[in-house]
C-alpha atoms as a PDB file:
ATOM      1  CA  MET A   1     126.057  95.282  82.585  1.00  0.00           C
ATOM      2  CA  LYS A   2     124.324  96.752  85.890  1.00  0.00           C
ATOM      3  CA  ARG A   3     120.708  94.926  86.007  1.00  0.00           C
ATOM      4  CA  VAL A   4     117.934  96.128  88.384  1.00  0.00           C
ATOM      5  CA  VAL A   5     115.710  93.120  90.079  1.00  0.00           C
ATOM      6  CA  PHE A   6     112.217  95.035  90.276  1.00  0.00           C
ATOM      7  CA  ASN A   7     108.718  95.055  91.043  1.00  0.00           C
ATOM      8  CA  GLN A   8     106.734  96.911  93.248  1.00  0.00           C
ATOM      9  CA  LYS A   9     104.217  93.611  94.601  1.00  0.00           C
ATOM     10  CA  GLY A  10     105.956  91.809  97.063  1.00  0.00           C
ATOM     11  CA  GLY A  11     106.540  88.049  97.595  1.00  0.00           C
ATOM     12  CA  VAL A  12     107.090  87.379  93.879  1.00  0.00           C
ATOM     13  CA  GLY A  13     111.026  86.227  94.482  1.00  0.00           C
ATOM     14  CA  LYS A  14     113.420  89.610  93.415  1.00  0.00           C
ATOM     15  CA  SER A  15     115.951  88.587  95.848  1.00  0.00           C
ATOM     16  CA  THR A  16     115.974  84.852  94.862  1.00  0.00           C
ATOM     17  CA  ILE A  17     116.093  85.779  91.360  1.00  0.00           C
ATOM     18  CA  ALA A  18     118.762  88.404  91.573  1.00  0.00           C
ATOM     19  CA  CYS A  19     120.774  86.154  94.336  1.00  0.00           C
ATOM     20  CA  ASN A  20     120.800  83.582  91.716  1.00  0.00           C
ATOM     21  CA  LEU A  21     122.103  84.700  88.700  1.00  0.00           C
ATOM     22  CA  ALA A  22     124.691  86.492  90.117  1.00  0.00           C
ATOM     23  CA  ALA A  23     125.522  83.313  91.684  1.00  0.00           C
ATOM     24  CA  VAL A  24     125.371  81.330  87.928  1.00  0.00           C
ATOM     25  CA  GLY A  25     127.282  84.274  86.499  1.00  0.00           C
ATOM     26  CA  ALA A  26     130.269  84.266  89.226  1.00  0.00           C
ATOM     27  CA  ALA A  27     130.441  80.681  88.787  1.00  0.00           C
ATOM     28  CA  ALA A  28     130.955  80.693  84.950  1.00  0.00           C
ATOM     29  CA  GLY A  29     134.231  82.984  86.229  1.00  0.00           C
ATOM     30  CA  GLN A  30     132.613  86.621  86.206  1.00  0.00           C
ATOM     31  CA  ARG A  31     133.432  88.811  88.774  1.00  0.00           C
ATOM     32  CA  THR A  32     130.031  89.975  90.172  1.00  0.00           C
ATOM     33  CA  LEU A  33     128.365  92.280  92.606  1.00  0.00           C
ATOM     34  CA  VAL A  34     125.338  91.957  94.305  1.00  0.00           C
ATOM     35  CA  ILE A  35     123.781  95.142  95.695  1.00  0.00           C
ATOM     36  CA  ASP A  36     120.990  94.743  98.143  1.00  0.00           C
ATOM     37  CA  LEU A  37     119.199  98.107  98.637  1.00  0.00           C
ATOM     38  CA  ASP A  38     116.177  96.322 100.727  1.00  0.00           C
ATOM     39  CA  PRO A  39     115.749  96.991 104.225  1.00  0.00           C
ATOM     40  CA  GLN A  40     114.709  93.425 104.785  1.00  0.00           C
ATOM     41  CA  ALA A  41     118.025  92.447 103.697  1.00  0.00           C
ATOM     42  CA  ASN A  42     117.038  88.749 102.527  1.00  0.00           C
ATOM     43  CA  THR A  43     119.552  88.932  99.470  1.00  0.00           C
ATOM     44  CA  SER A  44     122.451  89.758 102.368  1.00  0.00           C
ATOM     45  CA  ARG A  45     121.932  86.814 104.613  1.00  0.00           C
ATOM     46  CA  TYR A  46     120.777  85.031 101.243  1.00  0.00           C
ATOM     47  CA  LEU A  47     124.486  85.128 100.612  1.00  0.00           C
ATOM     48  CA  LEU A  48     126.368  85.719 103.588  1.00  0.00           C
ATOM     49  CA  GLY A  49     124.084  83.870 106.422  1.00  0.00           C
ATOM     50  CA  GLU A  50     124.690  84.750 110.003  1.00  0.00           C
ATOM     51  CA  ALA A  51     127.713  87.048 108.976  1.00  0.00           C
ATOM     52  CA  ALA A  52     125.238  89.286 107.306  1.00  0.00           C
ATOM     53  CA  ASP A  53     124.310  90.270 110.920  1.00  0.00           C
ATOM     54  CA  GLU A  54     127.978  91.204 111.866  1.00  0.00           C
ATOM     55  CA  LEU A  55     128.787  93.467 109.383  1.00  0.00           C
ATOM     56  CA  GLU A  56     130.321  96.868 110.483  1.00  0.00           C
ATOM     57  CA  LEU A  57     129.699  98.611 107.146  1.00  0.00           C
ATOM     58  CA  SER A  58     126.278  98.402 104.832  1.00  0.00           C
ATOM     59  CA  ALA A  59     124.608 100.077 102.234  1.00  0.00           C
ATOM     60  CA  THR A  60     123.161 102.539 105.370  1.00  0.00           C
ATOM     61  CA  GLU A  61     126.766 104.144 105.902  1.00  0.00           C
ATOM     62  CA  PHE A  62     127.213 104.322 101.955  1.00  0.00           C
ATOM     63  CA  PHE A  63     124.131 106.549 102.262  1.00  0.00           C
ATOM     64  CA  ASP A  64     125.009 108.436 104.998  1.00  0.00           C
ATOM     65  CA  GLN A  65     127.741 109.181 104.056  1.00  0.00           C
ATOM     66  CA  VAL A  66     126.069 110.744 100.657  1.00  0.00           C
ATOM     67  CA  LEU A  67     123.498 112.802 103.082  1.00  0.00           C
ATOM     68  CA  ASN A  68     126.329 113.632 105.361  1.00  0.00           C
ATOM     69  CA  PHE A  69     128.971 115.142 102.826  1.00  0.00           C
ATOM     70  CA  LYS A  70     132.705 114.585 103.742  1.00  0.00           C
ATOM     71  CA  LEU A  71     136.142 115.711 102.780  1.00  0.00           C
ATOM     72  CA  ARG A  72     137.777 112.223 103.038  1.00  0.00           C
ATOM     73  CA  PRO A  73     134.593 109.817 101.899  1.00  0.00           C
ATOM     74  CA  LYS A  74     135.421 106.254 101.817  1.00  0.00           C
ATOM     75  CA  ALA A  75     135.741 104.641  98.456  1.00  0.00           C
ATOM     76  CA  THR A  76     132.544 102.463  97.274  1.00  0.00           C
ATOM     77  CA  GLU A  77     134.818  99.467  97.273  1.00  0.00           C
ATOM     78  CA  ASP A  78     134.755 100.232 101.287  1.00  0.00           C
ATOM     79  CA  PHE A  79     131.574  98.919 101.914  1.00  0.00           C
ATOM     80  CA  ILE A  80     131.702  95.505  99.456  1.00  0.00           C
ATOM     81  CA  VAL A  81     132.294  92.403 101.458  1.00  0.00           C
ATOM     82  CA  ALA A  82     133.456  89.113  99.881  1.00  0.00           C
ATOM     83  CA  THR A  83     131.027  86.056 100.387  1.00  0.00           C
ATOM     84  CA  PRO A  84     131.460  82.531 100.124  1.00  0.00           C
ATOM     85  CA  TYR A  85     131.740  81.837  96.259  1.00  0.00           C
ATOM     86  CA  PRO A  86     134.391  82.935  94.487  1.00  0.00           C
ATOM     87  CA  ASN A  87     134.183  85.754  92.225  1.00  0.00           C
ATOM     88  CA  LEU A  88     130.728  87.000  94.312  1.00  0.00           C
ATOM     89  CA  SER A  89     130.322  90.189  96.154  1.00  0.00           C
ATOM     90  CA  LEU A  90     128.229  92.172  98.206  1.00  0.00           C
ATOM     91  CA  LEU A  91     127.396  95.459  98.832  1.00  0.00           C
ATOM     92  CA  PRO A  92     124.871  94.470 102.080  1.00  0.00           C
ATOM     93  CA  ALA A  93     121.755  96.204 103.290  1.00  0.00           C
ATOM     94  CA  HIS A  94     120.343  96.573 106.650  1.00  0.00           C
ATOM     95  CA  PRO A  95     117.395  97.587 108.254  1.00  0.00           C
ATOM     96  CA  SER A  96     118.727 100.980 109.365  1.00  0.00           C
ATOM     97  CA  LEU A  97     118.469 101.411 105.549  1.00  0.00           C
ATOM     98  CA  GLU A  98     114.614 102.611 106.179  1.00  0.00           C
ATOM     99  CA  GLU A  99     115.584 105.363 108.581  1.00  0.00           C
ATOM    100  CA  LEU A 100     117.602 107.154 105.931  1.00  0.00           C
ATOM    101  CA  GLN A 101     114.664 106.975 103.233  1.00  0.00           C
ATOM    102  CA  ALA A 102     113.228 110.245 103.596  1.00  0.00           C
ATOM    103  CA  LYS A 103     116.084 112.277 104.091  1.00  0.00           C
ATOM    104  CA  LEU A 104     117.741 111.144 101.240  1.00  0.00           C
ATOM    105  CA  GLU A 105     114.799 111.859  98.860  1.00  0.00           C
ATOM    106  CA  SER A 106     114.431 115.449 100.494  1.00  0.00           C
ATOM    107  CA  ARG A 107     118.072 116.116  99.404  1.00  0.00           C
ATOM    108  CA  HIS A 108     117.256 114.695  96.082  1.00  0.00           C
ATOM    109  CA  LYS A 109     120.466 112.656  96.036  1.00  0.00           C
ATOM    110  CA  ILE A 110     118.696 110.147  93.437  1.00  0.00           C
ATOM    111  CA  TYR A 111     122.042 110.252  91.347  1.00  0.00           C
ATOM    112  CA  LYS A 112     124.654 109.411  93.922  1.00  0.00           C
ATOM    113  CA  LEU A 113     124.519 105.300  93.256  1.00  0.00           C
ATOM    114  CA  LYS A 114     124.621 106.072  89.556  1.00  0.00           C
ATOM    115  CA  ASP A 115     127.977 108.283  90.101  1.00  0.00           C
ATOM    116  CA  ALA A 116     129.318 105.497  92.809  1.00  0.00           C
ATOM    117  CA  LEU A 117     128.415 102.439  90.399  1.00  0.00           C
ATOM    118  CA  ASP A 118     129.888 104.383  87.506  1.00  0.00           C
ATOM    119  CA  ALA A 119     133.587 104.749  88.873  1.00  0.00           C
ATOM    120  CA  LEU A 120     133.515 101.391  90.064  1.00  0.00           C
ATOM    121  CA  SER A 121     135.977  98.868  88.410  1.00  0.00           C
ATOM    122  CA  GLY A 122     136.580  95.340  88.717  1.00  0.00           C
ATOM    123  CA  TYR A 123     133.041  93.831  87.898  1.00  0.00           C
ATOM    124  CA  ASP A 124     131.892  91.957  85.091  1.00  0.00           C
ATOM    125  CA  GLN A 125     128.233  92.461  86.148  1.00  0.00           C
ATOM    126  CA  ILE A 126     126.108  93.814  88.936  1.00  0.00           C
ATOM    127  CA  TRP A 127     122.952  93.078  89.928  1.00  0.00           C
ATOM    128  CA  ILE A 128     121.111  95.453  92.121  1.00  0.00           C
ATOM    129  CA  ASP A 129     118.120  93.746  94.487  1.00  0.00           C
ATOM    130  CA  THR A 130     115.245  96.443  95.282  1.00  0.00           C
ATOM    131  CA  PRO A 131     112.392  97.248  97.632  1.00  0.00           C
ATOM    132  CA  PRO A 132     108.927  96.382  97.045  1.00  0.00           C
ATOM    133  CA  ALA A 133     108.107 100.021  96.289  1.00  0.00           C
ATOM    134  CA  MET A 134     109.193 102.379  93.982  1.00  0.00           C
ATOM    135  CA  HIS A 135     110.614 104.904  96.336  1.00  0.00           C
ATOM    136  CA  PHE A 136     114.457 106.454  96.693  1.00  0.00           C
ATOM    137  CA  TYR A 137     116.288 103.372  96.779  1.00  0.00           C
ATOM    138  CA  THR A 138     114.331 101.710  94.052  1.00  0.00           C
ATOM    139  CA  LEU A 139     114.523 105.299  91.559  1.00  0.00           C
ATOM    140  CA  SER A 140     118.168 105.038  92.920  1.00  0.00           C
ATOM    141  CA  ALA A 141     118.772 101.708  91.287  1.00  0.00           C
ATOM    142  CA  LEU A 142     116.519 102.177  88.209  1.00  0.00           C
ATOM    143  CA  ILE A 143     118.698 105.579  87.694  1.00  0.00           C
ATOM    144  CA  ALA A 144     122.020 103.751  87.938  1.00  0.00           C
ATOM    145  CA  ALA A 145     121.374 100.351  85.630  1.00  0.00           C
ATOM    146  CA  ASP A 146     121.267  99.501  82.480  1.00  0.00           C
ATOM    147  CA  ALA A 147     118.399  97.203  81.982  1.00  0.00           C
ATOM    148  CA  CYS A 148     115.203  96.036  84.400  1.00  0.00           C
ATOM    149  CA  LEU A 149     114.434  92.756  85.005  1.00  0.00           C
ATOM    150  CA  ILE A 150     110.698  91.853  85.919  1.00  0.00           C
ATOM    151  CA  PRO A 151     109.755  88.862  88.327  1.00  0.00           C
ATOM    152  CA  PHE A 152     106.298  87.851  87.734  1.00  0.00           C
ATOM    153  CA  ASP A 153     103.948  85.807  89.450  1.00  0.00           C
ATOM    154  CA  CYS A 154     101.300  84.113  87.291  1.00  0.00           C
ATOM    155  CA  ASP A 155      97.761  85.728  89.084  1.00  0.00           C
ATOM    156  CA  ASP A 156      95.703  88.757  88.074  1.00  0.00           C
ATOM    157  CA  PHE A 157      97.082  90.712  91.048  1.00  0.00           C
ATOM    158  CA  SER A 158     100.338  90.646  89.556  1.00  0.00           C
ATOM    159  CA  ARG A 159      99.100  91.390  86.167  1.00  0.00           C
ATOM    160  CA  ARG A 160      97.326  94.686  87.297  1.00  0.00           C
ATOM    161  CA  ALA A 161     100.689  95.064  89.139  1.00  0.00           C
ATOM    162  CA  LEU A 162     102.868  94.646  86.426  1.00  0.00           C
ATOM    163  CA  TYR A 163     101.165  97.461  83.981  1.00  0.00           C
ATOM    164  CA  SER A 164     101.355  99.955  86.269  1.00  0.00           C
ATOM    165  CA  LEU A 165     105.393  99.035  87.002  1.00  0.00           C
ATOM    166  CA  LEU A 166     106.190  99.269  83.258  1.00  0.00           C
ATOM    167  CA  GLU A 167     104.219 102.719  83.525  1.00  0.00           C
ATOM    168  CA  HIS A 168     106.998 103.786  85.902  1.00  0.00           C
ATOM    169  CA  VAL A 169     110.172 102.264  83.952  1.00  0.00           C
ATOM    170  CA  ALA A 170     109.032 104.397  81.167  1.00  0.00           C
ATOM    171  CA  GLU A 171     108.963 107.479  82.886  1.00  0.00           C
ATOM    172  CA  ILE A 172     111.882 106.899  84.680  1.00  0.00           C
ATOM    173  CA  ARG A 173     113.094 106.358  81.071  1.00  0.00           C
ATOM    174  CA  ALA A 174     111.838 109.183  79.983  1.00  0.00           C
ATOM    175  CA  ASP A 175     113.134 111.964  82.573  1.00  0.00           C
ATOM    176  CA  HIS A 176     116.348 110.324  83.849  1.00  0.00           C
ATOM    177  CA  ASN A 177     117.488 107.472  82.134  1.00  0.00           C
ATOM    178  CA  GLU A 178     117.086 107.113  78.272  1.00  0.00           C
ATOM    179  CA  SER A 179     119.214 104.035  78.266  1.00  0.00           C
ATOM    180  CA  LEU A 180     117.320 101.812  80.612  1.00  0.00           C
ATOM    181  CA  ALA A 181     116.381  98.797  78.903  1.00  0.00           C
ATOM    182  CA  ILE A 182     113.779  95.804  80.158  1.00  0.00           C
ATOM    183  CA  ALA A 183     115.660  93.106  80.353  1.00  0.00           C
ATOM    184  CA  GLY A 184     112.539  91.122  80.394  1.00  0.00           C
ATOM    185  CA  ILE A 185     109.667  89.720  82.550  1.00  0.00           C
ATOM    186  CA  VAL A 186     110.523  86.386  84.378  1.00  0.00           C
ATOM    187  CA  VAL A 187     107.731  84.325  85.338  1.00  0.00           C
ATOM    188  CA  ASN A 188     108.357  83.058  88.280  1.00  0.00           C
ATOM    189  CA  GLN A 189     106.631  79.818  90.319  1.00  0.00           C
ATOM    190  CA  PHE A 190     105.773  78.694  87.158  1.00  0.00           C
ATOM    191  CA  GLN A 191     103.210  75.932  87.083  1.00  0.00           C
ATOM    192  CA  PRO A 192     103.187  74.099  84.006  1.00  0.00           C
ATOM    193  CA  ARG A 193     100.175  71.836  84.393  1.00  0.00           C
ATOM    194  CA  ALA A 194      97.659  74.473  86.264  1.00  0.00           C
ATOM    195  CA  LYS A 195      95.506  76.256  83.120  1.00  0.00           C
ATOM    196  CA  LEU A 196      95.369  79.848  84.634  1.00  0.00           C
ATOM    197  CA  PRO A 197      99.378  80.544  84.802  1.00  0.00           C
ATOM    198  CA  ALA A 198      99.665  79.331  80.862  1.00  0.00           C
ATOM    199  CA  ARG A 199      96.672  81.216  79.946  1.00  0.00           C
ATOM    200  CA  LEU A 200      97.759  84.582  81.606  1.00  0.00           C
ATOM    201  CA  VAL A 201     102.010  83.904  80.141  1.00  0.00           C
ATOM    202  CA  GLN A 202     100.115  83.596  76.531  1.00  0.00           C
ATOM    203  CA  GLU A 203      98.079  86.695  76.821  1.00  0.00           C
ATOM    204  CA  LEU A 204     100.778  88.869  78.096  1.00  0.00           C
ATOM    205  CA  ARG A 205     103.003  87.658  75.172  1.00  0.00           C
ATOM    206  CA  ASP A 206     100.266  88.620  73.091  1.00  0.00           C
ATOM    207  CA  GLU A 207     100.040  91.788  73.889  1.00  0.00           C
ATOM    208  CA  GLY A 208     103.637  92.129  73.065  1.00  0.00           C
ATOM    209  CA  LEU A 209     104.974  92.120  76.544  1.00  0.00           C
ATOM    210  CA  PRO A 210     108.778  90.952  76.704  1.00  0.00           C
ATOM    211  CA  VAL A 211     108.317  87.687  78.633  1.00  0.00           C
ATOM    212  CA  LEU A 212     111.484  85.592  78.984  1.00  0.00           C
ATOM    213  CA  ASN A 213     111.142  82.143  77.539  1.00  0.00           C
ATOM    214  CA  THR A 214     112.969  80.444  80.242  1.00  0.00           C
ATOM    215  CA  MET A 215     110.077  80.005  83.234  1.00  0.00           C
ATOM    216  CA  LEU A 216     110.827  79.510  86.849  1.00  0.00           C
ATOM    217  CA  SER A 217     109.215  76.528  88.430  1.00  0.00           C
ATOM    218  CA  ALA A 218     107.639  76.105  91.842  1.00  0.00           C
ATOM    219  CA  SER A 219     110.019  73.720  94.214  1.00  0.00           C
ATOM    220  CA  VAL A 220     110.636  73.303  97.368  1.00  0.00           C
ATOM    221  CA  LYS A 221     114.268  72.877  97.052  1.00  0.00           C
ATOM    222  CA  ILE A 222     114.534  76.660  96.797  1.00  0.00           C
ATOM    223  CA  ARG A 223     113.249  77.004 100.837  1.00  0.00           C
ATOM    224  CA  GLU A 224     116.455  74.767 101.631  1.00  0.00           C
ATOM    225  CA  SER A 225     118.442  77.085  99.664  1.00  0.00           C
ATOM    226  CA  HIS A 226     117.430  80.085 101.509  1.00  0.00           C
ATOM    227  CA  GLN A 227     117.638  78.057 104.756  1.00  0.00           C
ATOM    228  CA  LEU A 228     121.490  76.813 104.295  1.00  0.00           C
ATOM    229  CA  ALA A 229     121.984  80.387 102.685  1.00  0.00           C
ATOM    230  CA  ARG A 230     123.315  78.429  99.261  1.00  0.00           C
ATOM    231  CA  PRO A 231     122.316  79.828  96.060  1.00  0.00           C
ATOM    232  CA  MET A 232     121.476  76.834  93.809  1.00  0.00           C
ATOM    233  CA  VAL A 233     123.715  76.366  91.602  1.00  0.00           C
ATOM    234  CA  TYR A 234     126.220  76.073  94.935  1.00  0.00           C
ATOM    235  CA  LEU A 235     123.247  73.616  96.342  1.00  0.00           C
ATOM    236  CA  ASP A 236     122.669  71.377  93.781  1.00  0.00           C
ATOM    237  CA  ALA A 237     124.045  72.576  90.214  1.00  0.00           C
ATOM    238  CA  GLN A 238     121.966  69.463  88.654  1.00  0.00           C
ATOM    239  CA  HIS A 239     118.774  70.373  89.959  1.00  0.00           C
ATOM    240  CA  LYS A 240     115.315  71.289  87.373  1.00  0.00           C
ATOM    241  CA  LEU A 241     115.491  74.644  89.034  1.00  0.00           C
ATOM    242  CA  SER A 242     119.512  75.407  88.893  1.00  0.00           C
ATOM    243  CA  ARG A 243     119.420  74.524  85.339  1.00  0.00           C
ATOM    244  CA  GLU A 244     116.293  76.892  85.021  1.00  0.00           C
ATOM    245  CA  PHE A 245     118.284  79.390  86.630  1.00  0.00           C
ATOM    246  CA  THR A 246     121.254  79.109  84.159  1.00  0.00           C
ATOM    247  CA  ALA A 247     118.876  79.040  81.197  1.00  0.00           C
ATOM    248  CA  LEU A 248     117.545  82.309  82.264  1.00  0.00           C
ATOM    249  CA  TYR A 249     120.948  83.948  82.661  1.00  0.00           C
ATOM    250  CA  GLY A 250     122.167  82.531  79.408  1.00  0.00           C
ATOM    251  CA  GLU A 251     119.106  84.200  78.017  1.00  0.00           C
ATOM    252  CA  LEU A 252     119.704  87.776  79.633  1.00  0.00           C
ATOM    253  CA  VAL A 253     123.373  87.751  78.902  1.00  0.00           C
ATOM    254  CA  ASN A 254     122.579  86.420  75.066  1.00  0.00           C
ATOM    255  CA  PRO A 255     119.895  87.498  74.041  1.00  0.00           C
ATOM    256  CA  ARG A 256     120.041  87.292  70.614  1.00  0.00           C
ATOM    257  CA  ARG A 257     121.530  83.652  70.534  1.00  0.00           C
ATOM    258  CA  ALA A 258     118.361  82.554  72.485  1.00  0.00           C
ATOM    259  CA  ALA A 259     115.919  84.327  70.335  1.00  0.00           C
ATOM    260  CA  THR A 260     117.794  82.316  67.066  1.00  0.00           C
ATOM    261  CA  LYS A 261     116.913  79.349  69.421  1.00  0.00           C
ATOM    262  CA  ARG A 262     113.102  79.919  69.798  1.00  0.00           C
ATOM    263  CA  ARG A 263     112.798  80.694  66.074  1.00  0.00           C
ATOM    264  CA  ALA A 264     114.475  77.653  65.603  1.00  0.00           C
END
């Protein structure tokens, strides 16, 4: 299963959510790959720490190879590195990704990531982190993915952006990837005692939007997780936020079971 974590609005926790869900799966024994397509490379630094700055190959070289045809190209596996965590691998990003974007768009290479991932074996699940914009890398990810997970912060700006995002996903499904599903909308930084977040979530559900049952709490612990380059399940598996990521992972991987629990 290939899942892309995407929102056009920045600062909604895409990288944090992608890395922590991947870590939960890896800790459970699933052979997991994370693909970082954001030139900011936050996901790469989260999973590798300072070692992310010392890599010889990254997504930049992968897409440069796509752009400049070679008779003997490197295999996709050559761009993938191990992380310090068992079962968890990474195709890292680099800031130089941004320099290739216009050339890749002009050459219409949007299906090359899908082709590469379809030919890739050895992984039970793949998580793709994307830039906060609808351009080449995001489009490539949505074409390659089976499902899209949408992080959502509880404010009116995020709500307005959400409708536009859903339209973009529907358009991509119609034009490029008819099997692309919405895995769900995950509420991040949720504050249960505040009235506005609860009201916004309920209104989205009343509109029939696929808001997931598991919501992620606001916590300063995640900042420590970022600083130490240790996803929550490895930093403190018993922390409330770690349990929420585990529950969210279960809801995504076993949606029927989660729906049964909600009905019960």
